[in-house]
């Protein structure tokens, strides 16, 4: 998954100075961004008001799109470093290829987890014979300094643990642990991601970890989260200090819960790279342009992406919240 902005802004994220020590209800409005040839996404993170939720640092929501007569997702080979990508689908399929030689079709509610570590390249596309609808979320997790130089890897988990919370709530654990159920996906910091399904008439409470900060992304329906009704494609930041989250739904609805310990380190995020200094970002860009370090993706029918130009002014910290 890629940030395809032709003029991406450099964003400094991380640090705990702005994290509320108590619950909040902060609605984050998305901006629309084109992704490949025919997909438009709603970008929730980084946001004008919020840049991270735990180690989660990038959130795109797309669809449901009718792609019966469209190519669907077509994202050419592009690089990543210093992060993990999470592919999460509700409808459709995405074919993943990477410079390790991985080739895997990811289907609804299966985990496609790529750890870029020091360097990897990948492509994503809807298969030639694909389902009519495409609907999902693309997510990044920032790697802490101690692990950002790790060897790249790709994991596919078709079976994930589930939690039935009563009152109409059902959860699939994407990453980390929720209510005693732990995902098999590799993590490098205290984090959680879960897909929540709320049946018609749901009135439930989901147990949380008070030290984590949380947010929810609405995938479908009209759920109420802690009394706030959410439209599809919106995200509600919840802060910390919660031991449980009230969830209600008059109609069947679905959400993605994201959370984790507030990310203490400051990071620089530009295009598809996460680093710590402007020099590190510039070196990664040059390595991609020169064909070094990131490897080659085989099998994609098209050219790889070229890196955008770096901003004319030096990248510098601006804080975790604008």
C-alpha atoms as a PDB file:
ATOM      1  CA  UNK A   1       0.000   0.000   0.000  1.00  0.00           C
ATOM      2  CA  UNK A   2       1.305   3.365  -0.953  1.00  0.00           C
ATOM      3  CA  UNK A   3       0.987   7.059  -0.438  1.00  0.00           C
ATOM      4  CA  UNK A   4       0.605   8.195  -4.060  1.00  0.00           C
ATOM      5  CA  UNK A   5       0.579  11.935  -3.388  1.00  0.00           C
ATOM      6  CA  UNK A   6       2.737  13.592  -6.042  1.00  0.00           C
ATOM      7  CA  UNK A   7       3.714  16.289  -3.528  1.00  0.00           C
ATOM      8  CA  UNK A   8       3.675  14.486  -0.171  1.00  0.00           C
ATOM      9  CA  UNK A   9       4.163  16.574   2.920  1.00  0.00           C
ATOM     10  CA  UNK A  10       6.752  15.609   5.476  1.00  0.00           C
ATOM     11  CA  UNK A  11       4.985  14.829   8.734  1.00  0.00           C
ATOM     12  CA  UNK A  12       6.569  14.547  12.154  1.00  0.00           C
ATOM     13  CA  UNK A  13       4.675  12.142  14.395  1.00  0.00           C
ATOM     14  CA  UNK A  14       5.146  10.611  17.813  1.00  0.00           C
ATOM     15  CA  UNK A  15       5.810  11.853  21.307  1.00  0.00           C
ATOM     16  CA  UNK A  16       3.443  11.693  24.249  1.00  0.00           C
ATOM     17  CA  UNK A  17       3.129  15.366  25.174  1.00  0.00           C
ATOM     18  CA  UNK A  18      -0.289  15.819  23.556  1.00  0.00           C
ATOM     19  CA  UNK A  19      -1.897  12.533  24.604  1.00  0.00           C
ATOM     20  CA  UNK A  20      -4.820  13.133  26.920  1.00  0.00           C
ATOM     21  CA  UNK A  21      -4.711  11.197  30.182  1.00  0.00           C
ATOM     22  CA  UNK A  22      -8.476  10.857  30.086  1.00  0.00           C
ATOM     23  CA  UNK A  23     -11.119   9.807  27.553  1.00  0.00           C
ATOM     24  CA  UNK A  24     -12.015  12.194  24.731  1.00  0.00           C
ATOM     25  CA  UNK A  25     -14.326  12.137  21.687  1.00  0.00           C
ATOM     26  CA  UNK A  26     -12.479  13.730  18.796  1.00  0.00           C
ATOM     27  CA  UNK A  27     -14.013  13.311  15.329  1.00  0.00           C
ATOM     28  CA  UNK A  28     -11.451  13.160  12.520  1.00  0.00           C
ATOM     29  CA  UNK A  29     -12.609  14.210   9.061  1.00  0.00           C
ATOM     30  CA  UNK A  30     -11.027  12.445   6.072  1.00  0.00           C
ATOM     31  CA  UNK A  31      -9.581  13.921   2.904  1.00  0.00           C
ATOM     32  CA  UNK A  32      -9.907  12.146  -0.428  1.00  0.00           C
ATOM     33  CA  UNK A  33      -6.758  10.953  -2.198  1.00  0.00           C
ATOM     34  CA  UNK A  34      -6.436   9.019  -5.503  1.00  0.00           C
ATOM     35  CA  UNK A  35      -4.782   5.600  -5.193  1.00  0.00           C
ATOM     36  CA  UNK A  36      -3.676   4.106  -8.492  1.00  0.00           C
ATOM     37  CA  UNK A  37      -5.791   4.143 -11.644  1.00  0.00           C
ATOM     38  CA  UNK A  38      -9.351   3.892 -10.375  1.00  0.00           C
ATOM     39  CA  UNK A  39      -9.418   3.860  -6.559  1.00  0.00           C
ATOM     40  CA  UNK A  40     -10.086   6.886  -4.358  1.00  0.00           C
ATOM     41  CA  UNK A  41      -9.395   6.599  -0.627  1.00  0.00           C
ATOM     42  CA  UNK A  42     -10.442   8.548   2.434  1.00  0.00           C
ATOM     43  CA  UNK A  43      -7.314   9.378   4.436  1.00  0.00           C
ATOM     44  CA  UNK A  44      -7.890   9.541   8.199  1.00  0.00           C
ATOM     45  CA  UNK A  45      -4.283   9.456   9.446  1.00  0.00           C
ATOM     46  CA  UNK A  46      -2.173  11.521   9.392  1.00  0.00           C
ATOM     47  CA  UNK A  47      -4.850  14.135   9.976  1.00  0.00           C
ATOM     48  CA  UNK A  48      -4.865  17.870  10.574  1.00  0.00           C
ATOM     49  CA  UNK A  49      -5.874  17.197  14.154  1.00  0.00           C
ATOM     50  CA  UNK A  50      -4.202  13.850  14.902  1.00  0.00           C
ATOM     51  CA  UNK A  51      -1.151  12.093  13.517  1.00  0.00           C
ATOM     52  CA  UNK A  52      -0.915   8.796  15.379  1.00  0.00           C
ATOM     53  CA  UNK A  53      -2.940   6.384  17.497  1.00  0.00           C
ATOM     54  CA  UNK A  54      -0.436   4.253  19.374  1.00  0.00           C
ATOM     55  CA  UNK A  55       1.965   3.030  16.684  1.00  0.00           C
ATOM     56  CA  UNK A  56      -0.726   3.340  13.972  1.00  0.00           C
ATOM     57  CA  UNK A  57       0.401   6.218  11.763  1.00  0.00           C
ATOM     58  CA  UNK A  58      -1.457   5.886   8.441  1.00  0.00           C
ATOM     59  CA  UNK A  59      -5.101   4.958   7.789  1.00  0.00           C
ATOM     60  CA  UNK A  60      -6.902   4.904   4.429  1.00  0.00           C
ATOM     61  CA  UNK A  61     -10.491   3.713   3.987  1.00  0.00           C
ATOM     62  CA  UNK A  62     -11.779   2.866   0.507  1.00  0.00           C
ATOM     63  CA  UNK A  63     -15.043   1.656  -0.954  1.00  0.00           C
ATOM     64  CA  UNK A  64     -17.341  -0.026  -1.185  1.00  0.00           C
ATOM     65  CA  UNK A  65     -16.560   0.568  -4.880  1.00  0.00           C
ATOM     66  CA  UNK A  66     -18.298  -1.197  -7.766  1.00  0.00           C
ATOM     67  CA  UNK A  67     -15.344  -2.344  -9.895  1.00  0.00           C
ATOM     68  CA  UNK A  68     -17.184  -4.912 -12.020  1.00  0.00           C
ATOM     69  CA  UNK A  69     -16.117  -3.084 -15.186  1.00  0.00           C
ATOM     70  CA  UNK A  70     -13.035  -1.364 -13.722  1.00  0.00           C
ATOM     71  CA  UNK A  71      -9.471  -2.548 -13.120  1.00  0.00           C
ATOM     72  CA  UNK A  72      -9.884  -1.920  -9.400  1.00  0.00           C
ATOM     73  CA  UNK A  73      -6.806  -1.353  -7.279  1.00  0.00           C
ATOM     74  CA  UNK A  74      -3.643  -0.954  -9.356  1.00  0.00           C
ATOM     75  CA  UNK A  75      -0.674   0.223  -7.273  1.00  0.00           C
ATOM     76  CA  UNK A  76       2.691  -0.243  -9.039  1.00  0.00           C
ATOM     77  CA  UNK A  77       5.863  -1.390  -7.251  1.00  0.00           C
ATOM     78  CA  UNK A  78       6.966   1.120  -4.627  1.00  0.00           C
ATOM     79  CA  UNK A  79       9.285   1.107  -1.583  1.00  0.00           C
ATOM     80  CA  UNK A  80       8.775   1.112   2.181  1.00  0.00           C
ATOM     81  CA  UNK A  81      11.085   1.394   5.175  1.00  0.00           C
ATOM     82  CA  UNK A  82      10.645   1.700   8.936  1.00  0.00           C
ATOM     83  CA  UNK A  83       7.062   0.435   9.081  1.00  0.00           C
ATOM     84  CA  UNK A  84       4.585  -2.421   8.771  1.00  0.00           C
ATOM     85  CA  UNK A  85       1.651  -2.428   6.357  1.00  0.00           C
ATOM     86  CA  UNK A  86      -1.666  -4.083   7.141  1.00  0.00           C
ATOM     87  CA  UNK A  87      -4.103  -5.013   4.353  1.00  0.00           C
ATOM     88  CA  UNK A  88      -7.660  -5.441   5.643  1.00  0.00           C
ATOM     89  CA  UNK A  89     -10.614  -6.185   3.383  1.00  0.00           C
ATOM     90  CA  UNK A  90     -14.367  -6.430   3.819  1.00  0.00           C
ATOM     91  CA  UNK A  91     -15.054  -7.067   0.108  1.00  0.00           C
ATOM     92  CA  UNK A  92     -12.886  -8.028  -2.859  1.00  0.00           C
ATOM     93  CA  UNK A  93      -9.345  -9.354  -3.208  1.00  0.00           C
ATOM     94  CA  UNK A  94      -5.909  -7.763  -3.426  1.00  0.00           C
ATOM     95  CA  UNK A  95      -2.929  -9.523  -4.997  1.00  0.00           C
ATOM     96  CA  UNK A  96       0.298  -8.711  -3.126  1.00  0.00           C
ATOM     97  CA  UNK A  97       3.761  -9.100  -4.695  1.00  0.00           C
ATOM     98  CA  UNK A  98       7.008  -8.019  -3.058  1.00  0.00           C
ATOM     99  CA  UNK A  99      10.767  -7.978  -3.539  1.00  0.00           C
ATOM    100  CA  UNK A 100      11.159 -11.042  -1.297  1.00  0.00           C
ATOM    101  CA  UNK A 101       9.335 -13.056  -3.956  1.00  0.00           C
ATOM    102  CA  UNK A 102       6.041 -13.219  -2.057  1.00  0.00           C
ATOM    103  CA  UNK A 103       2.876 -13.569  -4.128  1.00  0.00           C
ATOM    104  CA  UNK A 104      -0.340 -13.761  -2.146  1.00  0.00           C
ATOM    105  CA  UNK A 105      -4.002 -12.953  -2.725  1.00  0.00           C
ATOM    106  CA  UNK A 106      -5.514 -11.392   0.409  1.00  0.00           C
ATOM    107  CA  UNK A 107      -9.259 -11.902   0.890  1.00  0.00           C
ATOM    108  CA  UNK A 108     -11.861 -10.447   3.262  1.00  0.00           C
ATOM    109  CA  UNK A 109     -10.945 -10.650   6.938  1.00  0.00           C
ATOM    110  CA  UNK A 110      -7.576 -12.249   6.233  1.00  0.00           C
ATOM    111  CA  UNK A 111      -4.433 -10.528   7.505  1.00  0.00           C
ATOM    112  CA  UNK A 112      -1.802  -9.464   4.997  1.00  0.00           C
ATOM    113  CA  UNK A 113       1.056  -8.093   7.101  1.00  0.00           C
ATOM    114  CA  UNK A 114       4.265  -6.795   5.563  1.00  0.00           C
ATOM    115  CA  UNK A 115       7.188  -5.708   7.734  1.00  0.00           C
ATOM    116  CA  UNK A 116       9.402  -3.422   5.679  1.00  0.00           C
ATOM    117  CA  UNK A 117      12.169  -3.153   8.270  1.00  0.00           C
ATOM    118  CA  UNK A 118      15.212  -1.630   6.611  1.00  0.00           C
ATOM    119  CA  UNK A 119      13.810  -1.893   3.055  1.00  0.00           C
ATOM    120  CA  UNK A 120      11.249  -3.673   0.890  1.00  0.00           C
ATOM    121  CA  UNK A 121       9.254  -3.000  -2.281  1.00  0.00           C
ATOM    122  CA  UNK A 122       5.807  -4.305  -3.206  1.00  0.00           C
ATOM    123  CA  UNK A 123       2.841  -3.894  -5.528  1.00  0.00           C
ATOM    124  CA  UNK A 124      -0.895  -4.322  -4.967  1.00  0.00           C
ATOM    125  CA  UNK A 125      -3.590  -4.979  -7.517  1.00  0.00           C
ATOM    126  CA  UNK A 126      -7.044  -6.375  -7.955  1.00  0.00           C
ATOM    127  CA  UNK A 127      -6.780  -9.738  -9.741  1.00  0.00           C
ATOM    128  CA  UNK A 128      -7.849  -9.777 -13.392  1.00  0.00           C
ATOM    129  CA  UNK A 129     -10.950 -11.810 -12.490  1.00  0.00           C
ATOM    130  CA  UNK A 130     -12.113  -9.990  -9.388  1.00  0.00           C
ATOM    131  CA  UNK A 131     -15.250  -9.603  -7.310  1.00  0.00           C
ATOM    132  CA  UNK A 132     -17.689  -6.823  -8.092  1.00  0.00           C
ATOM    133  CA  UNK A 133     -17.026  -4.788  -4.948  1.00  0.00           C
ATOM    134  CA  UNK A 134     -13.822  -3.565  -3.307  1.00  0.00           C
ATOM    135  CA  UNK A 135     -13.970  -2.325   0.272  1.00  0.00           C
ATOM    136  CA  UNK A 136     -11.245  -2.163   2.871  1.00  0.00           C
ATOM    137  CA  UNK A 137      -8.671  -0.274   4.891  1.00  0.00           C
ATOM    138  CA  UNK A 138      -4.964   0.229   4.386  1.00  0.00           C
ATOM    139  CA  UNK A 139      -2.963   0.761   7.558  1.00  0.00           C
ATOM    140  CA  UNK A 140       0.624   1.449   8.577  1.00  0.00           C
ATOM    141  CA  UNK A 141       2.324   0.728  11.894  1.00  0.00           C
ATOM    142  CA  UNK A 142       5.497   2.651  12.796  1.00  0.00           C
ATOM    143  CA  UNK A 143       8.377   0.452  13.914  1.00  0.00           C
ATOM    144  CA  UNK A 144      10.198   1.533  17.093  1.00  0.00           C
ATOM    145  CA  UNK A 145      13.845   2.469  16.721  1.00  0.00           C
ATOM    146  CA  UNK A 146      15.090  -0.839  18.120  1.00  0.00           C
ATOM    147  CA  UNK A 147      13.351  -2.794  15.345  1.00  0.00           C
ATOM    148  CA  UNK A 148      13.216  -0.531  12.312  1.00  0.00           C
ATOM    149  CA  UNK A 149      16.348  -2.098  10.831  1.00  0.00           C
ATOM    150  CA  UNK A 150      14.935  -5.620  11.035  1.00  0.00           C
ATOM    151  CA  UNK A 151      14.923  -7.900   8.011  1.00  0.00           C
ATOM    152  CA  UNK A 152      11.846  -7.472   5.784  1.00  0.00           C
ATOM    153  CA  UNK A 153       9.110 -10.104   5.936  1.00  0.00           C
ATOM    154  CA  UNK A 154       5.601 -10.879   4.727  1.00  0.00           C
ATOM    155  CA  UNK A 155       2.935 -12.815   6.624  1.00  0.00           C
ATOM    156  CA  UNK A 156      -0.484 -14.044   5.547  1.00  0.00           C
ATOM    157  CA  UNK A 157      -2.917 -15.296   8.180  1.00  0.00           C
ATOM    158  CA  UNK A 158      -6.178 -16.651   6.800  1.00  0.00           C
ATOM    159  CA  UNK A 159      -7.483 -17.606  10.256  1.00  0.00           C
ATOM    160  CA  UNK A 160      -7.605 -15.048  13.070  1.00  0.00           C
ATOM    161  CA  UNK A 161      -8.919 -15.316  16.643  1.00  0.00           C
ATOM    162  CA  UNK A 162     -12.423 -14.103  17.374  1.00  0.00           C
ATOM    163  CA  UNK A 163     -14.143 -12.604  20.406  1.00  0.00           C
ATOM    164  CA  UNK A 164     -17.871 -12.700  21.069  1.00  0.00           C
ATOM    165  CA  UNK A 165     -18.595 -10.038  23.613  1.00  0.00           C
ATOM    166  CA  UNK A 166     -22.341 -10.506  24.051  1.00  0.00           C
ATOM    167  CA  UNK A 167     -25.035  -7.968  23.304  1.00  0.00           C
ATOM    168  CA  UNK A 168     -24.582  -8.392  19.544  1.00  0.00           C
ATOM    169  CA  UNK A 169     -20.807  -7.723  19.419  1.00  0.00           C
ATOM    170  CA  UNK A 170     -18.390  -9.907  17.459  1.00  0.00           C
ATOM    171  CA  UNK A 171     -14.680  -9.095  17.025  1.00  0.00           C
ATOM    172  CA  UNK A 172     -11.843 -10.439  14.869  1.00  0.00           C
ATOM    173  CA  UNK A 173      -8.384  -9.656  16.283  1.00  0.00           C
ATOM    174  CA  UNK A 174      -6.173  -8.286  13.497  1.00  0.00           C
ATOM    175  CA  UNK A 175      -3.049  -7.452  15.530  1.00  0.00           C
ATOM    176  CA  UNK A 176      -2.134  -7.585  19.196  1.00  0.00           C
ATOM    177  CA  UNK A 177      -4.510  -8.820  21.874  1.00  0.00           C
ATOM    178  CA  UNK A 178      -8.143  -8.073  22.702  1.00  0.00           C
ATOM    179  CA  UNK A 179     -10.077  -9.524  25.635  1.00  0.00           C
ATOM    180  CA  UNK A 180      -7.617 -12.428  25.962  1.00  0.00           C
ATOM    181  CA  UNK A 181      -7.499 -13.345  22.250  1.00  0.00           C
ATOM    182  CA  UNK A 182      -4.147 -12.756  20.510  1.00  0.00           C
ATOM    183  CA  UNK A 183      -3.470 -12.386  16.773  1.00  0.00           C
ATOM    184  CA  UNK A 184      -0.653 -14.480  15.232  1.00  0.00           C
ATOM    185  CA  UNK A 185       0.633 -11.380  13.410  1.00  0.00           C
ATOM    186  CA  UNK A 186       4.096 -10.160  14.455  1.00  0.00           C
ATOM    187  CA  UNK A 187       4.157  -6.917  16.445  1.00  0.00           C
ATOM    188  CA  UNK A 188       7.011  -4.778  17.750  1.00  0.00           C
ATOM    189  CA  UNK A 189       5.204  -2.495  20.223  1.00  0.00           C
ATOM    190  CA  UNK A 190       2.131  -2.727  22.499  1.00  0.00           C
ATOM    191  CA  UNK A 191      -0.697  -2.427  19.964  1.00  0.00           C
ATOM    192  CA  UNK A 192      -4.140  -3.697  19.041  1.00  0.00           C
ATOM    193  CA  UNK A 193      -6.228  -3.775  15.890  1.00  0.00           C
ATOM    194  CA  UNK A 194      -9.622  -5.452  15.696  1.00  0.00           C
ATOM    195  CA  UNK A 195     -12.543  -5.706  13.290  1.00  0.00           C
ATOM    196  CA  UNK A 196     -15.824  -5.195  15.155  1.00  0.00           C
ATOM    197  CA  UNK A 197     -19.201  -6.343  13.826  1.00  0.00           C
ATOM    198  CA  UNK A 198     -22.309  -5.007  15.583  1.00  0.00           C
ATOM    199  CA  UNK A 199     -25.556  -6.827  14.881  1.00  0.00           C
ATOM    200  CA  UNK A 200     -28.881  -5.033  14.606  1.00  0.00           C
ATOM    201  CA  UNK A 201     -29.870  -3.847  18.073  1.00  0.00           C
ATOM    202  CA  UNK A 202     -26.387  -4.213  19.580  1.00  0.00           C
ATOM    203  CA  UNK A 203     -25.852  -2.783  23.056  1.00  0.00           C
ATOM    204  CA  UNK A 204     -22.439  -3.931  24.300  1.00  0.00           C
ATOM    205  CA  UNK A 205     -19.316  -2.877  26.155  1.00  0.00           C
ATOM    206  CA  UNK A 206     -15.873  -3.801  24.814  1.00  0.00           C
ATOM    207  CA  UNK A 207     -13.072  -4.194  27.405  1.00  0.00           C
ATOM    208  CA  UNK A 208     -10.060  -1.924  26.810  1.00  0.00           C
ATOM    209  CA  UNK A 209      -6.630  -1.281  28.353  1.00  0.00           C
ATOM    210  CA  UNK A 210      -6.613   2.083  30.185  1.00  0.00           C
ATOM    211  CA  UNK A 211      -2.959   2.814  29.264  1.00  0.00           C
ATOM    212  CA  UNK A 212      -3.692   2.525  25.534  1.00  0.00           C
ATOM    213  CA  UNK A 213      -5.034   5.309  23.362  1.00  0.00           C
ATOM    214  CA  UNK A 214      -7.758   4.268  20.909  1.00  0.00           C
ATOM    215  CA  UNK A 215      -9.670   5.268  17.809  1.00  0.00           C
ATOM    216  CA  UNK A 216     -12.404   3.627  15.743  1.00  0.00           C
ATOM    217  CA  UNK A 217     -12.848   3.733  11.968  1.00  0.00           C
ATOM    218  CA  UNK A 218     -16.406   3.183  10.735  1.00  0.00           C
ATOM    219  CA  UNK A 219     -16.533   0.748   7.836  1.00  0.00           C
ATOM    220  CA  UNK A 220     -20.324   0.474   7.394  1.00  0.00           C
ATOM    221  CA  UNK A 221     -23.662   1.159   9.062  1.00  0.00           C
ATOM    222  CA  UNK A 222     -24.358   3.848  11.670  1.00  0.00           C
ATOM    223  CA  UNK A 223     -22.827   2.704  14.952  1.00  0.00           C
ATOM    224  CA  UNK A 224     -22.819   4.740  18.134  1.00  0.00           C
ATOM    225  CA  UNK A 225     -19.477   4.724  19.928  1.00  0.00           C
ATOM    226  CA  UNK A 226     -19.599   6.145  23.454  1.00  0.00           C
ATOM    227  CA  UNK A 227     -22.769   7.948  22.419  1.00  0.00           C
ATOM    228  CA  UNK A 228     -21.343   9.424  19.186  1.00  0.00           C
ATOM    229  CA  UNK A 229     -23.068   8.323  15.968  1.00  0.00           C
ATOM    230  CA  UNK A 230     -20.552   7.716  13.182  1.00  0.00           C
ATOM    231  CA  UNK A 231     -21.001   7.728   9.422  1.00  0.00           C
ATOM    232  CA  UNK A 232     -19.048   5.285   7.225  1.00  0.00           C
ATOM    233  CA  UNK A 233     -15.509   6.480   6.494  1.00  0.00           C
ATOM    234  CA  UNK A 234     -15.236   8.572   9.670  1.00  0.00           C
ATOM    235  CA  UNK A 235     -12.842   8.086  12.582  1.00  0.00           C
ATOM    236  CA  UNK A 236     -13.393   8.895  16.248  1.00  0.00           C
ATOM    237  CA  UNK A 237     -10.312   9.386  18.450  1.00  0.00           C
ATOM    238  CA  UNK A 238     -11.024   8.230  22.005  1.00  0.00           C
ATOM    239  CA  UNK A 239      -7.898   9.120  24.005  1.00  0.00           C
ATOM    240  CA  UNK A 240      -6.738   7.026  26.951  1.00  0.00           C
ATOM    241  CA  UNK A 241      -8.047   6.083  30.383  1.00  0.00           C
ATOM    242  CA  UNK A 242     -10.831   3.752  29.234  1.00  0.00           C
ATOM    243  CA  UNK A 243     -11.445   0.304  30.695  1.00  0.00           C
ATOM    244  CA  UNK A 244     -14.479  -0.299  28.468  1.00  0.00           C
ATOM    245  CA  UNK A 245     -16.093   1.186  25.359  1.00  0.00           C
ATOM    246  CA  UNK A 246     -19.903   1.408  24.952  1.00  0.00           C
ATOM    247  CA  UNK A 247     -21.034   0.263  21.489  1.00  0.00           C
ATOM    248  CA  UNK A 248     -24.585   0.511  20.150  1.00  0.00           C
ATOM    249  CA  UNK A 249     -26.136  -0.068  16.735  1.00  0.00           C
ATOM    250  CA  UNK A 250     -29.720   0.146  15.521  1.00  0.00           C
ATOM    251  CA  UNK A 251     -28.664  -1.420  12.205  1.00  0.00           C
ATOM    252  CA  UNK A 252     -25.878  -3.881  11.435  1.00  0.00           C
ATOM    253  CA  UNK A 253     -22.590  -1.976  11.474  1.00  0.00           C
ATOM    254  CA  UNK A 254     -18.862  -2.585  11.370  1.00  0.00           C
ATOM    255  CA  UNK A 255     -15.832  -0.783  12.780  1.00  0.00           C
ATOM    256  CA  UNK A 256     -12.080  -1.166  12.955  1.00  0.00           C
ATOM    257  CA  UNK A 257     -10.657  -0.540  16.423  1.00  0.00           C
ATOM    258  CA  UNK A 258      -7.072   0.768  16.530  1.00  0.00           C
ATOM    259  CA  UNK A 259      -5.080   1.274  19.714  1.00  0.00           C
ATOM    260  CA  UNK A 260      -1.810   0.983  21.548  1.00  0.00           C
ATOM    261  CA  UNK A 261       0.550   2.640  23.966  1.00  0.00           C
ATOM    262  CA  UNK A 262       1.186   6.227  22.842  1.00  0.00           C
ATOM    263  CA  UNK A 263       4.259   6.120  20.590  1.00  0.00           C
ATOM    264  CA  UNK A 264       7.041   7.832  22.525  1.00  0.00           C
ATOM    265  CA  UNK A 265       9.574   8.361  19.725  1.00  0.00           C
ATOM    266  CA  UNK A 266       9.303  11.150  17.177  1.00  0.00           C
ATOM    267  CA  UNK A 267       9.375   9.970  13.589  1.00  0.00           C
ATOM    268  CA  UNK A 268       9.499  11.637  10.186  1.00  0.00           C
ATOM    269  CA  UNK A 269       7.042  10.247   7.663  1.00  0.00           C
ATOM    270  CA  UNK A 270       7.459  11.222   4.001  1.00  0.00           C
ATOM    271  CA  UNK A 271       5.985   9.451   0.987  1.00  0.00           C
ATOM    272  CA  UNK A 272       6.393   5.721   1.807  1.00  0.00           C
ATOM    273  CA  UNK A 273       9.267   6.069   4.247  1.00  0.00           C
ATOM    274  CA  UNK A 274       9.469   6.435   8.012  1.00  0.00           C
ATOM    275  CA  UNK A 275      12.779   7.633   9.418  1.00  0.00           C
ATOM    276  CA  UNK A 276      14.208   9.751  12.186  1.00  0.00           C
ATOM    277  CA  UNK A 277      16.181  12.422  10.304  1.00  0.00           C
ATOM    278  CA  UNK A 278      15.782  14.359   7.024  1.00  0.00           C
ATOM    279  CA  UNK A 279      19.062  12.874   5.820  1.00  0.00           C
ATOM    280  CA  UNK A 280      17.753   9.340   6.312  1.00  0.00           C
ATOM    281  CA  UNK A 281      14.654  10.105   4.239  1.00  0.00           C
ATOM    282  CA  UNK A 282      16.749  11.659   1.447  1.00  0.00           C
ATOM    283  CA  UNK A 283      19.081   8.639   1.391  1.00  0.00           C
ATOM    284  CA  UNK A 284      16.138   6.259   1.104  1.00  0.00           C
ATOM    285  CA  UNK A 285      14.666   8.237  -1.779  1.00  0.00           C
ATOM    286  CA  UNK A 286      17.984   8.189  -3.633  1.00  0.00           C
ATOM    287  CA  UNK A 287      18.357   4.444  -3.024  1.00  0.00           C
ATOM    288  CA  UNK A 288      14.950   3.792  -4.573  1.00  0.00           C
ATOM    289  CA  UNK A 289      15.630   6.015  -7.564  1.00  0.00           C
ATOM    290  CA  UNK A 290      19.013   4.385  -8.186  1.00  0.00           C
ATOM    291  CA  UNK A 291      17.661   0.833  -7.889  1.00  0.00           C
ATOM    292  CA  UNK A 292      19.625  -0.025  -4.740  1.00  0.00           C
ATOM    293  CA  UNK A 293      18.576  -1.545  -1.425  1.00  0.00           C
ATOM    294  CA  UNK A 294      14.828  -2.140  -1.954  1.00  0.00           C
ATOM    295  CA  UNK A 295      15.010  -5.025  -4.404  1.00  0.00           C
ATOM    296  CA  UNK A 296      12.765  -5.714  -7.387  1.00  0.00           C
ATOM    297  CA  UNK A 297       9.131  -6.775  -7.651  1.00  0.00           C
ATOM    298  CA  UNK A 298       8.545  -9.324 -10.410  1.00  0.00           C
ATOM    299  CA  UNK A 299       5.266 -10.000 -12.186  1.00  0.00           C
ATOM    300  CA  UNK A 300       3.554  -6.600 -12.108  1.00  0.00           C
ATOM    301  CA  UNK A 301       2.455  -5.526 -15.607  1.00  0.00           C
ATOM    302  CA  UNK A 302       3.751  -1.975 -15.548  1.00  0.00           C
ATOM    303  CA  UNK A 303       6.523   0.324 -14.447  1.00  0.00           C
ATOM    304  CA  UNK A 304       7.431   0.948 -10.834  1.00  0.00           C
ATOM    305  CA  UNK A 305       6.606   4.250  -9.168  1.00  0.00           C
ATOM    306  CA  UNK A 306       9.110   7.074  -9.286  1.00  0.00           C
ATOM    307  CA  UNK A 307       9.716   8.927  -6.029  1.00  0.00           C
ATOM    308  CA  UNK A 308       8.356  12.482  -5.801  1.00  0.00           C
ATOM    309  CA  UNK A 309      10.752  15.386  -5.351  1.00  0.00           C
ATOM    310  CA  UNK A 310      11.712  16.202  -1.786  1.00  0.00           C
ATOM    311  CA  UNK A 311      10.197  19.382  -0.313  1.00  0.00           C
ATOM    312  CA  UNK A 312      12.222  22.532  -1.080  1.00  0.00           C
ATOM    313  CA  UNK A 313      12.549  23.330   2.622  1.00  0.00           C
ATOM    314  CA  UNK A 314      14.273  21.057   5.174  1.00  0.00           C
ATOM    315  CA  UNK A 315      12.114  18.576   7.044  1.00  0.00           C
ATOM    316  CA  UNK A 316      11.772  19.708  10.641  1.00  0.00           C
ATOM    317  CA  UNK A 317       9.708  18.724  13.686  1.00  0.00           C
ATOM    318  CA  UNK A 318       6.321  20.408  14.063  1.00  0.00           C
ATOM    319  CA  UNK A 319       4.875  18.351  16.887  1.00  0.00           C
ATOM    320  CA  UNK A 320       2.514  15.417  17.048  1.00  0.00           C
ATOM    321  CA  UNK A 321      -0.681  17.451  16.690  1.00  0.00           C
ATOM    322  CA  UNK A 322      -0.945  20.527  14.453  1.00  0.00           C
END
